[in-house]
Amino acid sequence: MTRSVLVPSSLVREAEDKREATRKLGYVARAATIFRVDRLTVFPDPAGEGKWEAGFVETVLRYAATPPDVRKEVWGMRDELEYAGVLPPLRVRSRTGSGSEGSGSLRQGIVTEVGTDGRVRVNCGLQHPISLPVPDGWELSEGERVSVRVSSRRPVRAKLVDEPVPGFAVDASNLQTALARDDVGLAIAASRLGETLTVTTLDTLVERREADGGCTVAFGSPQRGLPEILDLDSDAVARGDFADEDPGFDLWLNTVPNQGSEVIRTEEAVFATLASLNLKR
């Protein structure tokens, strides 16, 4: 199980136009959905972004992660989403319908407004956003995904519930902060300069992943890998010698050994890497 995937803001740096850039991000979103990633984090790489502004990657991925029935209400019209129609459907496997923890249908919602009275407005695909009390101990922010159990539509009776939200969340953070999270698990840097993934090393990795409760995998961008983004010496990375510059990874891993192409696109690397790490013992 892969808990988090970290991608740079320069992910679509080589895309010729906005349509192609959007399509590439759709492939990343598909990979995150297929392999049950919990969170996609976009970390800054301003030197490699090219013509795509820093917020483009995050915005498109956030839109892709938003349930289709609430996208229009949540996002409206934005320049970054001009070609959102080319995004492939994610078809996230949800657990709507009666569940073991309570009656009614379980829906995914988006917090659209946080009030000062201990309530939030949530858009969960009903006719209008609904106002719900925030359970004790919860801290919610605008744009956050939540689970809503709807017991009646007319009149509307619903409540926020502490149940996993299907699909993945999207956020932005610098790499060091993302790797310092309590739930990071096994931290892996995907790089052609890393240790070659073999059947033997995969068995060990799966064991470590299960022991750590999951893993976090970071990727570079086209023609600008993690060593360059992090300003690390390539030879030192290949030797595993970081001196005082180790960004916090448990290992560097080459998940596509003996590659036949000079450059592997990031969206291709995400699929190849997550497919391998998704295997069970």
C-alpha atoms as a PDB file:
ATOM      1  CA  MET A   1       0.000   0.000   0.000  1.00  0.00           C
ATOM      2  CA  THR A   2       1.379   3.361  -1.019  1.00  0.00           C
ATOM      3  CA  ARG A   3       0.340   6.048   1.425  1.00  0.00           C
ATOM      4  CA  SER A   4       1.621   9.144  -0.422  1.00  0.00           C
ATOM      5  CA  VAL A   5       3.077  10.203  -3.748  1.00  0.00           C
ATOM      6  CA  LEU A   6       5.168  13.362  -4.051  1.00  0.00           C
ATOM      7  CA  VAL A   7       5.437  15.078  -7.440  1.00  0.00           C
ATOM      8  CA  PRO A   8       7.151  18.366  -8.385  1.00  0.00           C
ATOM      9  CA  SER A   9       5.421  21.496  -9.619  1.00  0.00           C
ATOM     10  CA  SER A  10       7.526  21.027 -12.775  1.00  0.00           C
ATOM     11  CA  LEU A  11       5.748  17.743 -13.557  1.00  0.00           C
ATOM     12  CA  VAL A  12       4.436  18.954 -16.937  1.00  0.00           C
ATOM     13  CA  ARG A  13       7.380  21.193 -17.854  1.00  0.00           C
ATOM     14  CA  GLU A  14       7.813  19.661 -21.319  1.00  0.00           C
ATOM     15  CA  ALA A  15       4.124  19.821 -22.327  1.00  0.00           C
ATOM     16  CA  GLU A  16       3.633  21.900 -25.462  1.00  0.00           C
ATOM     17  CA  ASP A  17       0.211  23.252 -24.512  1.00  0.00           C
ATOM     18  CA  LYS A  18      -2.346  23.290 -21.711  1.00  0.00           C
ATOM     19  CA  ARG A  19      -4.332  20.406 -23.187  1.00  0.00           C
ATOM     20  CA  GLU A  20      -1.300  18.096 -23.173  1.00  0.00           C
ATOM     21  CA  ALA A  21      -0.302  19.255 -19.681  1.00  0.00           C
ATOM     22  CA  THR A  22      -3.805  18.515 -18.380  1.00  0.00           C
ATOM     23  CA  ARG A  23      -3.846  15.083 -19.994  1.00  0.00           C
ATOM     24  CA  LYS A  24      -0.511  14.166 -18.366  1.00  0.00           C
ATOM     25  CA  LEU A  25      -1.837  15.136 -14.961  1.00  0.00           C
ATOM     26  CA  GLY A  26      -4.869  12.961 -15.652  1.00  0.00           C
ATOM     27  CA  TYR A  27      -2.577   9.954 -16.036  1.00  0.00           C
ATOM     28  CA  VAL A  28      -0.998  10.694 -12.665  1.00  0.00           C
ATOM     29  CA  ALA A  29      -4.441  10.962 -11.087  1.00  0.00           C
ATOM     30  CA  ARG A  30      -5.418   7.639 -12.673  1.00  0.00           C
ATOM     31  CA  ALA A  31      -2.320   5.961 -11.260  1.00  0.00           C
ATOM     32  CA  ALA A  32      -3.049   7.363  -7.803  1.00  0.00           C
ATOM     33  CA  THR A  33      -6.584   5.999  -7.998  1.00  0.00           C
ATOM     34  CA  ILE A  34      -5.694   2.581  -9.394  1.00  0.00           C
ATOM     35  CA  PHE A  35      -3.065   1.924  -6.727  1.00  0.00           C
ATOM     36  CA  ARG A  36      -5.092   3.407  -3.856  1.00  0.00           C
ATOM     37  CA  VAL A  37      -2.795   6.302  -3.012  1.00  0.00           C
ATOM     38  CA  ASP A  38      -4.100   8.282  -0.033  1.00  0.00           C
ATOM     39  CA  ARG A  39      -2.438  11.606  -0.819  1.00  0.00           C
ATOM     40  CA  LEU A  40      -0.764  13.386  -3.727  1.00  0.00           C
ATOM     41  CA  THR A  41       1.577  16.159  -2.586  1.00  0.00           C
ATOM     42  CA  VAL A  42       2.941  18.762  -4.997  1.00  0.00           C
ATOM     43  CA  PHE A  43       6.322  20.098  -3.914  1.00  0.00           C
ATOM     44  CA  PRO A  44       7.903  23.247  -5.396  1.00  0.00           C
ATOM     45  CA  ASP A  45      10.453  23.170  -8.195  1.00  0.00           C
ATOM     46  CA  PRO A  46      10.336  26.783  -9.431  1.00  0.00           C
ATOM     47  CA  ALA A  47      13.530  26.418 -11.467  1.00  0.00           C
ATOM     48  CA  GLY A  48      11.935  23.733 -13.643  1.00  0.00           C
ATOM     49  CA  GLU A  49       8.355  24.882 -14.075  1.00  0.00           C
ATOM     50  CA  GLY A  50       8.840  26.589 -17.427  1.00  0.00           C
ATOM     51  CA  LYS A  51       5.678  28.231 -18.726  1.00  0.00           C
ATOM     52  CA  TRP A  52       3.336  26.539 -16.252  1.00  0.00           C
ATOM     53  CA  GLU A  53       2.752  28.602 -13.124  1.00  0.00           C
ATOM     54  CA  ALA A  54       3.299  27.024  -9.734  1.00  0.00           C
ATOM     55  CA  GLY A  55      -0.395  26.456  -8.996  1.00  0.00           C
ATOM     56  CA  PHE A  56      -1.313  24.762 -12.266  1.00  0.00           C
ATOM     57  CA  VAL A  57      -0.328  21.209 -11.283  1.00  0.00           C
ATOM     58  CA  GLU A  58      -1.966  21.413  -7.868  1.00  0.00           C
ATOM     59  CA  THR A  59      -5.198  22.917  -9.222  1.00  0.00           C
ATOM     60  CA  VAL A  60      -5.695  20.318 -11.946  1.00  0.00           C
ATOM     61  CA  LEU A  61      -4.938  17.434  -9.583  1.00  0.00           C
ATOM     62  CA  ARG A  62      -7.314  18.848  -6.964  1.00  0.00           C
ATOM     63  CA  TYR A  63     -10.012  19.123  -9.614  1.00  0.00           C
ATOM     64  CA  ALA A  64      -9.396  15.542 -10.753  1.00  0.00           C
ATOM     65  CA  ALA A  65      -9.729  14.322  -7.150  1.00  0.00           C
ATOM     66  CA  THR A  66     -13.043  16.159  -6.669  1.00  0.00           C
ATOM     67  CA  PRO A  67     -16.169  13.985  -7.051  1.00  0.00           C
ATOM     68  CA  PRO A  68     -17.668  14.616 -10.516  1.00  0.00           C
ATOM     69  CA  ASP A  69     -21.098  15.552  -9.147  1.00  0.00           C
ATOM     70  CA  VAL A  70     -19.744  18.542  -7.214  1.00  0.00           C
ATOM     71  CA  ARG A  71     -16.961  19.787  -9.511  1.00  0.00           C
ATOM     72  CA  LYS A  72     -18.981  22.535 -11.169  1.00  0.00           C
ATOM     73  CA  GLU A  73     -20.197  23.983  -7.880  1.00  0.00           C
ATOM     74  CA  VAL A  74     -16.806  23.756  -6.171  1.00  0.00           C
ATOM     75  CA  TRP A  75     -14.563  25.001  -8.990  1.00  0.00           C
ATOM     76  CA  GLY A  76     -16.659  27.108 -11.322  1.00  0.00           C
ATOM     77  CA  MET A  77     -14.673  28.489 -14.291  1.00  0.00           C
ATOM     78  CA  ARG A  78     -10.887  28.763 -13.946  1.00  0.00           C
ATOM     79  CA  ASP A  79      -8.150  29.278 -16.541  1.00  0.00           C
ATOM     80  CA  GLU A  80      -6.176  26.284 -15.254  1.00  0.00           C
ATOM     81  CA  LEU A  81      -9.180  24.047 -15.967  1.00  0.00           C
ATOM     82  CA  GLU A  82      -9.739  25.122 -19.570  1.00  0.00           C
ATOM     83  CA  TYR A  83      -9.087  21.578 -20.808  1.00  0.00           C
ATOM     84  CA  ALA A  84     -10.408  19.660 -17.803  1.00  0.00           C
ATOM     85  CA  GLY A  85     -12.616  17.732 -20.212  1.00  0.00           C
ATOM     86  CA  VAL A  86      -9.625  15.671 -21.374  1.00  0.00           C
ATOM     87  CA  LEU A  87      -9.062  14.280 -17.874  1.00  0.00           C
ATOM     88  CA  PRO A  88      -9.846  10.559 -17.838  1.00  0.00           C
ATOM     89  CA  PRO A  89     -12.626   9.458 -15.463  1.00  0.00           C
ATOM     90  CA  LEU A  90     -11.164   8.087 -12.229  1.00  0.00           C
ATOM     91  CA  ARG A  91     -14.169   5.912 -11.369  1.00  0.00           C
ATOM     92  CA  VAL A  92     -13.123   5.725  -7.726  1.00  0.00           C
ATOM     93  CA  ARG A  93     -14.498   2.685  -5.968  1.00  0.00           C
ATOM     94  CA  SER A  94     -16.702   4.109  -3.234  1.00  0.00           C
ATOM     95  CA  ARG A  95     -18.632   2.542  -0.427  1.00  0.00           C
ATOM     96  CA  THR A  96     -21.920   4.321  -0.918  1.00  0.00           C
ATOM     97  CA  GLY A  97     -25.014   2.607   0.416  1.00  0.00           C
ATOM     98  CA  SER A  98     -25.696   1.101   3.806  1.00  0.00           C
ATOM     99  CA  GLY A  99     -22.544   0.461   5.794  1.00  0.00           C
ATOM    100  CA  SER A 100     -21.634  -1.457   8.899  1.00  0.00           C
ATOM    101  CA  GLU A 101     -21.091   1.714  10.927  1.00  0.00           C
ATOM    102  CA  GLY A 102     -24.530   3.227  10.427  1.00  0.00           C
ATOM    103  CA  SER A 103     -27.578   3.515   8.205  1.00  0.00           C
ATOM    104  CA  GLY A 104     -27.935   5.699   5.150  1.00  0.00           C
ATOM    105  CA  SER A 105     -25.693   6.414   2.194  1.00  0.00           C
ATOM    106  CA  LEU A 106     -22.061   7.403   2.596  1.00  0.00           C
ATOM    107  CA  ARG A 107     -21.075  10.318   0.362  1.00  0.00           C
ATOM    108  CA  GLN A 108     -17.913  12.228  -0.267  1.00  0.00           C
ATOM    109  CA  GLY A 109     -18.245  15.961   0.295  1.00  0.00           C
ATOM    110  CA  ILE A 110     -16.161  19.099  -0.073  1.00  0.00           C
ATOM    111  CA  VAL A 111     -16.083  21.768   2.631  1.00  0.00           C
ATOM    112  CA  THR A 112     -17.028  25.022   0.899  1.00  0.00           C
ATOM    113  CA  GLU A 113     -17.250  27.301   3.936  1.00  0.00           C
ATOM    114  CA  VAL A 114     -16.063  27.171   7.547  1.00  0.00           C
ATOM    115  CA  GLY A 115     -18.271  29.068   9.949  1.00  0.00           C
ATOM    116  CA  THR A 116     -17.505  30.583  13.333  1.00  0.00           C
ATOM    117  CA  ASP A 117     -20.353  28.713  15.037  1.00  0.00           C
ATOM    118  CA  GLY A 118     -18.835  25.245  14.921  1.00  0.00           C
ATOM    119  CA  ARG A 119     -20.504  24.401  11.629  1.00  0.00           C
ATOM    120  CA  VAL A 120     -19.354  23.996   8.034  1.00  0.00           C
ATOM    121  CA  ARG A 121     -21.093  24.084   4.691  1.00  0.00           C
ATOM    122  CA  VAL A 122     -20.505  20.945   2.672  1.00  0.00           C
ATOM    123  CA  ASN A 123     -21.239  20.201  -0.968  1.00  0.00           C
ATOM    124  CA  CYS A 124     -21.914  16.470  -1.259  1.00  0.00           C
ATOM    125  CA  GLY A 125     -23.906  16.235  -4.460  1.00  0.00           C
ATOM    126  CA  LEU A 126     -27.313  17.062  -3.013  1.00  0.00           C
ATOM    127  CA  GLN A 127     -29.399  19.855  -4.522  1.00  0.00           C
ATOM    128  CA  HIS A 128     -27.702  22.476  -2.343  1.00  0.00           C
ATOM    129  CA  PRO A 129     -24.702  22.614  -0.001  1.00  0.00           C
ATOM    130  CA  ILE A 130     -25.728  21.657   3.526  1.00  0.00           C
ATOM    131  CA  SER A 131     -24.717  23.074   6.899  1.00  0.00           C
ATOM    132  CA  LEU A 132     -23.382  20.461   9.323  1.00  0.00           C
ATOM    133  CA  PRO A 133     -22.022  20.630  12.867  1.00  0.00           C
ATOM    134  CA  VAL A 134     -18.334  19.785  13.223  1.00  0.00           C
ATOM    135  CA  PRO A 135     -17.770  16.881  15.638  1.00  0.00           C
ATOM    136  CA  ASP A 136     -15.756  17.641  18.765  1.00  0.00           C
ATOM    137  CA  GLY A 137     -12.025  17.556  18.203  1.00  0.00           C
ATOM    138  CA  TRP A 138     -12.226  18.020  14.433  1.00  0.00           C
ATOM    139  CA  GLU A 139     -10.479  20.816  12.554  1.00  0.00           C
ATOM    140  CA  LEU A 140     -11.703  21.341   9.005  1.00  0.00           C
ATOM    141  CA  SER A 141     -10.609  23.794   6.340  1.00  0.00           C
ATOM    142  CA  GLU A 142     -12.153  25.039   3.118  1.00  0.00           C
ATOM    143  CA  GLY A 143     -11.605  22.611   0.244  1.00  0.00           C
ATOM    144  CA  GLU A 144     -11.101  19.593   2.515  1.00  0.00           C
ATOM    145  CA  ARG A 145     -12.754  16.297   1.607  1.00  0.00           C
ATOM    146  CA  VAL A 146     -15.054  14.751   4.195  1.00  0.00           C
ATOM    147  CA  SER A 147     -17.344  11.752   4.559  1.00  0.00           C
ATOM    148  CA  VAL A 148     -21.031  12.509   4.983  1.00  0.00           C
ATOM    149  CA  ARG A 149     -23.630   9.954   5.965  1.00  0.00           C
ATOM    150  CA  VAL A 150     -27.036  10.959   4.569  1.00  0.00           C
ATOM    151  CA  SER A 151     -29.949   9.258   6.315  1.00  0.00           C
ATOM    152  CA  SER A 152     -32.683  11.234   4.572  1.00  0.00           C
ATOM    153  CA  ARG A 153     -32.891  13.460   1.504  1.00  0.00           C
ATOM    154  CA  ARG A 154     -36.344  14.974   2.173  1.00  0.00           C
ATOM    155  CA  PRO A 155     -35.953  16.527   4.631  1.00  0.00           C
ATOM    156  CA  VAL A 156     -32.172  16.433   4.553  1.00  0.00           C
ATOM    157  CA  ARG A 157     -30.682  14.633   7.538  1.00  0.00           C
ATOM    158  CA  ALA A 158     -26.934  14.142   7.435  1.00  0.00           C
ATOM    159  CA  LYS A 159     -23.832  14.188   9.595  1.00  0.00           C
ATOM    160  CA  LEU A 160     -20.072  14.190   9.233  1.00  0.00           C
ATOM    161  CA  VAL A 161     -18.596  10.775  10.015  1.00  0.00           C
ATOM    162  CA  ASP A 162     -15.075   9.580  10.699  1.00  0.00           C
ATOM    163  CA  GLU A 163     -14.836   7.135   7.811  1.00  0.00           C
ATOM    164  CA  PRO A 164     -12.189   6.942   5.082  1.00  0.00           C
ATOM    165  CA  VAL A 165     -12.899   9.120   2.073  1.00  0.00           C
ATOM    166  CA  PRO A 166     -12.529   7.186  -1.200  1.00  0.00           C
ATOM    167  CA  GLY A 167      -9.871   8.369  -3.622  1.00  0.00           C
ATOM    168  CA  PHE A 168      -6.923  10.600  -2.829  1.00  0.00           C
ATOM    169  CA  ALA A 169      -6.386  14.030  -1.304  1.00  0.00           C
ATOM    170  CA  VAL A 170      -4.141  16.684  -2.874  1.00  0.00           C
ATOM    171  CA  ASP A 171      -2.005  19.195  -1.034  1.00  0.00           C
ATOM    172  CA  ALA A 172       1.119  21.317  -1.515  1.00  0.00           C
ATOM    173  CA  SER A 173       4.200  21.209   0.684  1.00  0.00           C
ATOM    174  CA  ASN A 174       7.964  21.449   0.453  1.00  0.00           C
ATOM    175  CA  LEU A 175       9.703  18.111   0.214  1.00  0.00           C
ATOM    176  CA  GLN A 176      11.353  18.180   3.630  1.00  0.00           C
ATOM    177  CA  THR A 177       8.045  18.894   5.403  1.00  0.00           C
ATOM    178  CA  ALA A 178       6.271  16.141   3.472  1.00  0.00           C
ATOM    179  CA  LEU A 179       8.960  13.618   4.426  1.00  0.00           C
ATOM    180  CA  ALA A 180       8.738  14.619   8.097  1.00  0.00           C
ATOM    181  CA  ARG A 181       5.071  13.659   8.457  1.00  0.00           C
ATOM    182  CA  ASP A 182       4.242  11.077  11.102  1.00  0.00           C
ATOM    183  CA  ASP A 183       2.512   8.813   8.575  1.00  0.00           C
ATOM    184  CA  VAL A 184       5.183   8.915   5.867  1.00  0.00           C
ATOM    185  CA  GLY A 185       6.106   5.235   6.296  1.00  0.00           C
ATOM    186  CA  LEU A 186       8.967   4.003   4.118  1.00  0.00           C
ATOM    187  CA  ALA A 187      10.287   7.032   2.180  1.00  0.00           C
ATOM    188  CA  ILE A 188      11.463   6.190  -1.354  1.00  0.00           C
ATOM    189  CA  ALA A 189      13.074   8.428  -3.980  1.00  0.00           C
ATOM    190  CA  ALA A 190      12.424   7.122  -7.502  1.00  0.00           C
ATOM    191  CA  SER A 191      15.539   7.724  -9.581  1.00  0.00           C
ATOM    192  CA  ARG A 192      17.543   5.961 -12.270  1.00  0.00           C
ATOM    193  CA  LEU A 193      20.562   6.549 -10.038  1.00  0.00           C
ATOM    194  CA  GLY A 194      19.085   4.539  -7.183  1.00  0.00           C
ATOM    195  CA  GLU A 195      19.415   0.901  -6.178  1.00  0.00           C
ATOM    196  CA  THR A 196      18.129  -1.406  -8.899  1.00  0.00           C
ATOM    197  CA  LEU A 197      14.785  -2.994  -8.116  1.00  0.00           C
ATOM    198  CA  THR A 198      15.015  -6.792  -8.346  1.00  0.00           C
ATOM    199  CA  VAL A 199      12.826  -9.672  -7.209  1.00  0.00           C
ATOM    200  CA  THR A 200      14.998 -10.021  -4.119  1.00  0.00           C
ATOM    201  CA  THR A 201      14.983  -6.327  -3.198  1.00  0.00           C
ATOM    202  CA  LEU A 202      11.239  -6.103  -3.893  1.00  0.00           C
ATOM    203  CA  ASP A 203      10.577  -8.845  -1.357  1.00  0.00           C
ATOM    204  CA  THR A 204      12.563  -6.901   1.242  1.00  0.00           C
ATOM    205  CA  LEU A 205      10.820  -3.645   0.302  1.00  0.00           C
ATOM    206  CA  VAL A 206       7.360  -5.160   0.664  1.00  0.00           C
ATOM    207  CA  GLU A 207       8.300  -6.459   4.093  1.00  0.00           C
ATOM    208  CA  ARG A 208       9.554  -3.007   5.145  1.00  0.00           C
ATOM    209  CA  ARG A 209       6.495  -1.317   3.660  1.00  0.00           C
ATOM    210  CA  GLU A 210       4.151  -3.568   5.629  1.00  0.00           C
ATOM    211  CA  ALA A 211       6.163  -3.065   8.833  1.00  0.00           C
ATOM    212  CA  ASP A 212       6.059   0.743   8.395  1.00  0.00           C
ATOM    213  CA  GLY A 213       2.352   0.809   7.560  1.00  0.00           C
ATOM    214  CA  GLY A 214       2.820   1.987   3.980  1.00  0.00           C
ATOM    215  CA  CYS A 215       5.262   4.062   1.982  1.00  0.00           C
ATOM    216  CA  THR A 216       5.797   7.456   0.389  1.00  0.00           C
ATOM    217  CA  VAL A 217       7.328   7.748  -3.070  1.00  0.00           C
ATOM    218  CA  ALA A 218       8.796  10.918  -4.580  1.00  0.00           C
ATOM    219  CA  PHE A 219       9.311  11.521  -8.306  1.00  0.00           C
ATOM    220  CA  GLY A 220      11.217  14.036 -10.372  1.00  0.00           C
ATOM    221  CA  SER A 221      10.144  15.747 -13.575  1.00  0.00           C
ATOM    222  CA  PRO A 222      11.023  15.140 -17.243  1.00  0.00           C
ATOM    223  CA  GLN A 223      14.767  15.609 -17.838  1.00  0.00           C
ATOM    224  CA  ARG A 224      15.034  16.971 -14.321  1.00  0.00           C
ATOM    225  CA  GLY A 225      15.247  14.194 -11.770  1.00  0.00           C
ATOM    226  CA  LEU A 226      15.218  14.405  -8.006  1.00  0.00           C
ATOM    227  CA  PRO A 227      19.021  14.850  -7.706  1.00  0.00           C
ATOM    228  CA  GLU A 228      18.881  17.955  -9.910  1.00  0.00           C
ATOM    229  CA  ILE A 229      15.770  19.306  -8.194  1.00  0.00           C
ATOM    230  CA  LEU A 230      17.436  18.853  -4.803  1.00  0.00           C
ATOM    231  CA  ASP A 231      20.794  20.148  -6.084  1.00  0.00           C
ATOM    232  CA  LEU A 232      22.538  16.879  -5.224  1.00  0.00           C
ATOM    233  CA  ASP A 233      25.631  15.544  -6.943  1.00  0.00           C
ATOM    234  CA  SER A 234      24.615  12.666  -9.239  1.00  0.00           C
ATOM    235  CA  ASP A 235      27.731  10.628  -8.508  1.00  0.00           C
ATOM    236  CA  ALA A 236      27.165  11.021  -4.776  1.00  0.00           C
ATOM    237  CA  VAL A 237      23.549   9.854  -5.152  1.00  0.00           C
ATOM    238  CA  ALA A 238      24.689   6.800  -7.121  1.00  0.00           C
ATOM    239  CA  ARG A 239      27.134   5.968  -4.302  1.00  0.00           C
ATOM    240  CA  GLY A 240      24.576   6.699  -1.596  1.00  0.00           C
ATOM    241  CA  ASP A 241      26.927   9.327  -0.173  1.00  0.00           C
ATOM    242  CA  PHE A 242      24.920  12.416   0.814  1.00  0.00           C
ATOM    243  CA  ALA A 243      27.170  13.875   3.507  1.00  0.00           C
ATOM    244  CA  ASP A 244      24.948  16.478   5.223  1.00  0.00           C
ATOM    245  CA  GLU A 245      22.584  16.893   2.277  1.00  0.00           C
ATOM    246  CA  ASP A 246      20.361  13.797   2.690  1.00  0.00           C
ATOM    247  CA  PRO A 247      16.795  15.103   2.181  1.00  0.00           C
ATOM    248  CA  GLY A 248      15.297  12.349   4.335  1.00  0.00           C
ATOM    249  CA  PHE A 249      14.664   9.345   2.093  1.00  0.00           C
ATOM    250  CA  ASP A 250      15.119   5.808   3.407  1.00  0.00           C
ATOM    251  CA  LEU A 251      16.388   4.695   0.017  1.00  0.00           C
ATOM    252  CA  TRP A 252      16.797   5.724  -3.604  1.00  0.00           C
ATOM    253  CA  LEU A 253      15.301   3.202  -5.998  1.00  0.00           C
ATOM    254  CA  ASN A 254      15.544   2.590  -9.731  1.00  0.00           C
ATOM    255  CA  THR A 255      12.169   0.995 -10.457  1.00  0.00           C
ATOM    256  CA  VAL A 256      12.667   0.706 -14.231  1.00  0.00           C
ATOM    257  CA  PRO A 257      16.072  -0.968 -14.605  1.00  0.00           C
ATOM    258  CA  ASN A 258      17.524  -1.448 -18.071  1.00  0.00           C
ATOM    259  CA  GLN A 259      15.158   1.146 -19.508  1.00  0.00           C
ATOM    260  CA  GLY A 260      14.894   1.223 -23.276  1.00  0.00           C
ATOM    261  CA  SER A 261      14.170   4.950 -23.554  1.00  0.00           C
ATOM    262  CA  GLU A 262      16.613   7.703 -22.675  1.00  0.00           C
ATOM    263  CA  VAL A 263      13.922   9.490 -20.688  1.00  0.00           C
ATOM    264  CA  ILE A 264      10.973   8.027 -18.804  1.00  0.00           C
ATOM    265  CA  ARG A 265       8.126  10.477 -18.405  1.00  0.00           C
ATOM    266  CA  THR A 266       6.992  11.114 -14.861  1.00  0.00           C
ATOM    267  CA  GLU A 267       3.500   9.747 -15.446  1.00  0.00           C
ATOM    268  CA  GLU A 268       5.083   6.560 -16.844  1.00  0.00           C
ATOM    269  CA  ALA A 269       7.412   6.276 -13.866  1.00  0.00           C
ATOM    270  CA  VAL A 270       4.473   6.664 -11.471  1.00  0.00           C
ATOM    271  CA  PHE A 271       2.626   3.739 -13.061  1.00  0.00           C
ATOM    272  CA  ALA A 272       5.722   1.532 -13.228  1.00  0.00           C
ATOM    273  CA  THR A 273       6.776   2.263  -9.652  1.00  0.00           C
ATOM    274  CA  LEU A 274       3.386   1.942  -7.976  1.00  0.00           C
ATOM    275  CA  ALA A 275       2.638  -1.272  -9.872  1.00  0.00           C
ATOM    276  CA  SER A 276       5.771  -2.856  -8.412  1.00  0.00           C
ATOM    277  CA  LEU A 277       5.280  -1.546  -4.881  1.00  0.00           C
ATOM    278  CA  ASN A 278       1.634  -2.620  -4.881  1.00  0.00           C
ATOM    279  CA  LEU A 279       2.573  -6.306  -4.973  1.00  0.00           C
ATOM    280  CA  LYS A 280       1.964  -8.468  -1.927  1.00  0.00           C
ATOM    281  CA  ARG A 281       4.222 -11.100  -0.414  1.00  0.00           C
END
